[in-house]
């Protein structure tokens, strides 16, 4: 698994570094209704935009997974309750019936 991580991460990092080195030109970023202007290198604008988009997508995925997480939590609690009930029933049965002794041949 660690090998797969590095096989994916290393090329992405190399591409990001090459992109940053190749696109150092300053650009002006404005948000239309606001009077603020920001001057930053192009690579920074692009990489921050990608980061914000990734984080927004992760947030949406996390919110959509809430129902499944809630169901899994409820099922886990139900399993724990059933295991406790089974252990209690087995303890009662073990105390109620005497041990069985086999008569030899």
Protein backbone atom coordinates (compact mmCIF):
# COMPACT_ATOMS: atom_id res chain seq x y z
CA UNK A 1 0.00 0.00 0.00
CA UNK A 2 2.87 2.34 0.79
CA UNK A 3 4.32 1.70 -2.67
CA UNK A 4 1.03 2.66 -4.34
CA UNK A 5 0.98 5.85 -2.27
CA UNK A 6 4.42 6.87 -3.49
CA UNK A 7 3.76 5.80 -7.09
CA UNK A 8 0.82 8.23 -7.14
CA UNK A 9 2.22 11.00 -4.90
CA UNK A 10 5.67 11.37 -6.46
CA UNK A 11 4.51 12.14 -10.03
CA UNK A 12 1.83 14.53 -8.77
CA UNK A 13 4.41 16.37 -6.68
CA UNK A 14 6.83 16.58 -9.62
CA UNK A 15 4.09 17.96 -11.89
CA UNK A 16 3.08 20.52 -9.21
CA UNK A 17 6.67 21.70 -8.78
CA UNK A 18 7.21 21.96 -12.55
CA UNK A 19 3.95 23.87 -12.89
CA UNK A 20 4.95 26.26 -10.11
CA UNK A 21 8.38 26.90 -11.59
CA UNK A 22 6.95 27.45 -15.08
CA UNK A 23 4.13 29.82 -14.03
CA UNK A 24 5.62 32.43 -11.73
CA UNK A 25 4.10 35.38 -13.59
CA UNK A 26 2.05 37.67 -11.37
CA UNK A 27 -1.67 37.91 -12.13
CA UNK A 28 -4.36 40.14 -10.66
CA UNK A 29 -7.34 38.41 -9.12
CA UNK A 30 -10.55 40.35 -8.58
CA UNK A 31 -13.93 39.25 -7.36
CA UNK A 32 -16.42 41.24 -9.40
CA UNK A 33 -18.77 42.69 -6.80
CA UNK A 34 -15.95 43.39 -4.34
CA UNK A 35 -13.47 46.22 -4.84
CA UNK A 36 -10.55 44.12 -3.54
CA UNK A 37 -7.73 43.16 -5.88
CA UNK A 38 -5.11 40.55 -5.16
CA UNK A 39 -1.89 40.17 -7.07
CA UNK A 40 -0.33 36.72 -6.80
CA UNK A 41 1.73 34.31 -8.88
CA UNK A 42 -0.31 32.28 -11.35
CA UNK A 43 0.74 28.94 -9.88
CA UNK A 44 -0.51 30.02 -6.45
CA UNK A 45 -3.89 31.07 -7.83
CA UNK A 46 -4.33 27.80 -9.74
CA UNK A 47 -3.15 25.53 -6.91
CA UNK A 48 -5.28 27.32 -4.31
CA UNK A 49 -8.30 27.08 -6.61
CA UNK A 50 -7.72 23.33 -6.98
CA UNK A 51 -7.34 22.98 -3.20
CA UNK A 52 -10.56 24.89 -2.50
CA UNK A 53 -12.41 22.77 -5.08
CA UNK A 54 -11.07 19.55 -3.58
CA UNK A 55 -12.05 20.61 -0.05
CA UNK A 56 -15.52 21.64 -1.21
CA UNK A 57 -15.98 18.24 -2.90
CA UNK A 58 -14.81 16.42 0.22
CA UNK A 59 -17.25 18.43 2.33
CA UNK A 60 -20.15 17.51 0.05
CA UNK A 61 -19.11 13.82 0.07
CA UNK A 62 -18.82 13.85 3.87
CA UNK A 63 -22.26 15.43 4.27
CA UNK A 64 -23.80 12.92 1.85
CA UNK A 65 -22.21 10.02 3.75
CA UNK A 66 -23.87 11.06 7.02
CA UNK A 67 -26.84 8.74 6.57
CA UNK A 68 -24.58 5.73 5.97
CA UNK A 69 -22.39 6.59 8.98
CA UNK A 70 -25.48 6.94 11.17
CA UNK A 71 -26.84 3.56 9.97
CA UNK A 72 -23.48 1.87 10.57
CA UNK A 73 -23.32 3.32 14.08
CA UNK A 74 -26.85 2.10 14.84
CA UNK A 75 -26.04 -1.37 13.49
CA UNK A 76 -22.88 -1.50 15.61
CA UNK A 77 -24.86 -0.61 18.72
CA UNK A 78 -27.45 -3.26 17.87
CA UNK A 79 -24.71 -5.87 17.41
CA UNK A 80 -23.17 -4.98 20.77
CA UNK A 81 -26.58 -5.27 22.47
CA UNK A 82 -27.24 -8.66 20.85
CA UNK A 83 -23.77 -9.92 21.85
CA UNK A 84 -24.42 -8.88 25.47
CA UNK A 85 -27.81 -10.60 25.37
CA UNK A 86 -26.24 -13.76 23.90
CA UNK A 87 -23.54 -13.82 26.58
CA UNK A 88 -26.14 -13.42 29.32
CA UNK A 89 -28.29 -16.21 27.84
CA UNK A 90 -25.30 -18.52 27.52
CA UNK A 91 -24.36 -17.79 31.15
CA UNK A 92 -27.91 -18.63 32.29
CA UNK A 93 -27.96 -21.85 30.27
CA UNK A 94 -24.54 -22.84 31.56
CA UNK A 95 -25.66 -22.36 35.17
CA UNK A 96 -29.03 -24.10 34.69
CA UNK A 97 -27.89 -27.34 33.08
CA UNK A 98 -25.40 -29.63 34.79
CA UNK A 99 -22.37 -30.68 32.78
CA UNK A 100 -23.00 -33.72 30.64
CA UNK A 101 -20.94 -36.79 31.42
CA UNK A 102 -20.47 -39.40 28.75
CA UNK A 103 -20.62 -43.02 29.85
CA UNK A 104 -17.71 -44.84 28.36
CA UNK A 105 -17.90 -47.93 26.08
